[in-house]
Amino acid sequence: MPISEALLPEFDQEMANTRKTLERVPDDKLGWKPHEKSGTMLWLAGHVANIPTWTVITINQDVLDIGGPFQMPDPKSRKDLLEMFDKGVAEGRAALAGAGDAHLMKPWTLKKGAETILSLPRVACLRSFVMNHMIHHRAQLGMYLRLNNLPVPAIYGPSADEGSF
């Protein structure tokens, strides 16, 4: 089985679960944050919604240098978050589906100027830097929802708000 075919079911499942979480982000709580050192709900949800775009970057570029000017997306509402997320998921899925095994085994590097932050085979970056990273921040977003007494979706099993998947 090609690597992309093995990854696509996981990609689809994690993106669907992430979308369920983003759908719960209320427009009236976008400025909320749990601690002075934490980002706002909008910042965190925006980060989560943007991560699928990294799939295309990981597949189509050999290096990403975050040391230069970088423009973060600037969503203003849940609608904006979901549109950004859906676009990134569609483009990321297409890129992943079209990537061959040899290409996915080639190294991908994240740099900050002259400093190499990480360099791994693309397939490892897709699992860790894209999907696992998104899962980590999705869980944080779930806690933001819980701390605001908002329903947390069932992801890998029931949540306190949803008795089933």
Protein backbone atom coordinates (compact mmCIF):
# COMPACT_ATOMS: atom_id res chain seq x y z
CA MET A 1 0.00 0.00 0.00
CA PRO A 2 1.37 3.45 -0.86
CA ILE A 3 2.22 5.67 2.11
CA SER A 4 -0.35 8.30 1.08
CA GLU A 5 -3.12 5.70 1.04
CA ALA A 6 -2.12 4.60 4.53
CA LEU A 7 -2.13 8.20 5.83
CA LEU A 8 -5.34 9.43 4.19
CA PRO A 9 -7.82 7.66 6.52
CA GLU A 10 -6.02 9.10 9.56
CA PHE A 11 -5.85 12.53 7.91
CA ASP A 12 -9.60 12.41 7.16
CA GLN A 13 -10.50 11.29 10.69
CA GLU A 14 -8.36 13.92 12.40
CA MET A 15 -9.61 16.70 10.14
CA ALA A 16 -13.24 15.71 10.75
CA ASN A 17 -12.66 15.67 14.52
CA THR A 18 -10.89 19.01 14.36
CA ARG A 19 -13.73 20.55 12.40
CA LYS A 20 -16.19 19.37 15.10
CA THR A 21 -14.11 21.27 17.65
CA LEU A 22 -13.81 24.43 15.55
CA GLU A 23 -17.59 24.41 14.99
CA ARG A 24 -18.02 24.95 18.75
CA VAL A 25 -15.94 28.14 18.93
CA PRO A 26 -18.41 30.95 19.72
CA ASP A 27 -17.97 34.38 18.17
CA ASP A 28 -18.70 36.05 21.51
CA LYS A 29 -15.73 34.33 23.24
CA LEU A 30 -12.99 34.93 20.65
CA GLY A 31 -11.08 37.29 22.94
CA TRP A 32 -11.19 34.94 25.95
CA LYS A 33 -8.01 33.38 27.30
CA PRO A 34 -7.47 31.24 30.40
CA HIS A 35 -4.29 32.93 31.56
CA GLU A 36 -2.26 36.04 30.82
CA LYS A 37 0.43 33.89 29.16
CA SER A 38 -2.12 32.08 26.98
CA GLY A 39 -3.33 33.07 23.55
CA THR A 40 -6.92 34.09 22.98
CA MET A 41 -9.50 31.59 21.83
CA LEU A 42 -9.36 33.25 18.39
CA TRP A 43 -5.57 32.92 18.21
CA LEU A 44 -5.67 29.25 19.24
CA ALA A 45 -8.59 28.39 16.95
CA GLY A 46 -6.88 30.27 14.11
CA HIS A 47 -3.71 28.29 14.65
CA VAL A 48 -5.67 25.01 14.64
CA ALA A 49 -7.58 26.06 11.50
CA ASN A 50 -4.34 27.02 9.72
CA ILE A 51 -2.35 23.84 10.43
CA PRO A 52 -3.87 21.79 7.56
CA THR A 53 -2.25 24.26 5.12
CA TRP A 54 1.10 22.94 6.35
CA THR A 55 0.32 19.68 4.53
CA VAL A 56 0.79 21.43 1.18
CA ILE A 57 3.91 23.23 2.39
CA THR A 58 5.42 19.97 3.66
CA ILE A 59 4.74 18.17 0.39
CA ASN A 60 5.50 20.96 -2.10
CA GLN A 61 8.48 22.71 -0.48
CA ASP A 62 11.81 21.26 0.63
CA VAL A 63 12.38 23.96 3.25
CA LEU A 64 10.24 26.40 5.19
CA ASP A 65 12.12 29.34 6.68
CA ILE A 66 10.10 31.04 9.39
CA GLY A 67 12.88 33.55 10.03
CA GLY A 68 11.61 36.03 7.47
CA PRO A 69 8.38 37.93 7.13
CA PHE A 70 5.41 35.71 7.74
CA GLN A 71 1.77 36.71 7.48
CA MET A 72 -0.51 34.72 9.76
CA PRO A 73 -4.11 34.42 8.56
CA ASP A 74 -6.41 36.85 10.35
CA PRO A 75 -9.82 35.22 10.87
CA LYS A 76 -12.48 37.34 12.54
CA SER A 77 -15.23 34.80 13.20
CA ARG A 78 -16.10 31.12 13.45
CA LYS A 79 -17.25 31.34 9.82
CA ASP A 80 -13.79 32.61 8.79
CA LEU A 81 -12.10 29.84 10.83
CA LEU A 82 -14.17 27.12 9.19
CA GLU A 83 -13.66 28.51 5.67
CA MET A 84 -9.89 28.70 6.22
CA PHE A 85 -9.85 25.21 7.70
CA ASP A 86 -11.98 23.63 4.96
CA LYS A 87 -9.83 25.18 2.21
CA GLY A 88 -6.62 23.97 3.88
CA VAL A 89 -8.02 20.48 4.39
CA ALA A 90 -9.13 20.16 0.74
CA GLU A 91 -5.81 21.40 -0.60
CA GLY A 92 -3.82 19.32 1.89
CA ARG A 93 -5.74 16.16 1.13
CA ALA A 94 -5.22 16.62 -2.61
CA ALA A 95 -1.50 17.18 -2.11
CA LEU A 96 -1.20 14.12 0.11
CA ALA A 97 -3.22 11.93 -2.26
CA GLY A 98 -0.89 12.90 -5.11
CA ALA A 99 2.39 12.33 -3.28
CA GLY A 100 4.37 9.21 -4.12
CA ASP A 101 6.34 7.12 -1.64
CA ALA A 102 9.76 8.29 -2.85
CA HIS A 103 8.73 11.93 -2.45
CA LEU A 104 7.26 11.35 1.02
CA MET A 105 10.56 9.80 2.14
CA LYS A 106 12.59 12.85 1.03
CA PRO A 107 13.69 15.20 3.81
CA TRP A 108 11.76 18.31 4.72
CA THR A 109 13.39 21.06 6.77
CA LEU A 110 12.05 23.78 9.03
CA LYS A 111 14.48 26.66 9.49
CA LYS A 112 14.60 29.95 11.27
CA GLY A 113 17.18 31.88 9.32
CA ALA A 114 20.42 29.90 9.44
CA GLU A 115 19.17 27.66 12.29
CA THR A 116 17.67 24.29 11.38
CA ILE A 117 14.82 23.57 13.76
CA LEU A 118 14.02 20.13 12.36
CA SER A 119 14.71 18.02 9.33
CA LEU A 120 12.79 14.77 8.84
CA PRO A 121 11.34 12.71 6.03
CA ARG A 122 8.16 14.37 4.78
CA VAL A 123 6.05 11.47 6.03
CA ALA A 124 7.37 12.00 9.57
CA CYS A 125 6.65 15.73 9.32
CA LEU A 126 3.10 15.03 8.18
CA ARG A 127 2.53 12.81 11.20
CA SER A 128 4.29 14.96 13.83
CA PHE A 129 4.56 18.54 12.62
CA VAL A 130 1.12 18.59 10.98
CA MET A 131 -1.30 16.01 12.42
CA ASN A 132 0.07 15.50 15.94
CA HIS A 133 0.68 19.22 16.31
CA MET A 134 -2.91 19.93 15.30
CA ILE A 135 -4.22 17.26 17.70
CA HIS A 136 -2.23 18.85 20.54
CA HIS A 137 -3.72 22.29 19.92
CA ARG A 138 -7.19 20.86 19.28
CA ALA A 139 -7.04 19.40 22.81
CA GLN A 140 -6.08 22.80 24.18
CA LEU A 141 -9.03 24.29 22.33
CA GLY A 142 -11.25 21.64 23.90
CA MET A 143 -10.13 22.87 27.32
CA TYR A 144 -10.91 26.46 26.30
CA LEU A 145 -14.42 25.27 25.45
CA ARG A 146 -14.76 23.37 28.76
CA LEU A 147 -13.55 26.35 30.80
CA ASN A 148 -16.28 28.44 29.14
CA ASN A 149 -18.93 25.80 29.89
CA LEU A 150 -19.32 25.10 26.18
CA PRO A 151 -19.96 21.56 24.90
CA VAL A 152 -16.84 19.58 24.03
CA PRO A 153 -17.32 17.19 21.11
CA ALA A 154 -16.72 13.47 21.34
CA ILE A 155 -13.43 12.79 19.55
CA TYR A 156 -11.94 9.36 20.34
CA GLY A 157 -14.73 8.38 22.67
CA PRO A 158 -17.60 10.03 24.49
CA SER A 159 -17.16 13.43 26.06
CA ALA A 160 -18.98 14.68 29.15
CA ASP A 161 -21.29 16.51 26.73
CA GLU A 162 -21.79 13.81 24.12
CA GLY A 163 -22.42 10.23 25.12
CA SER A 164 -21.41 8.85 21.74
CA PHE A 165 -19.34 9.63 18.70
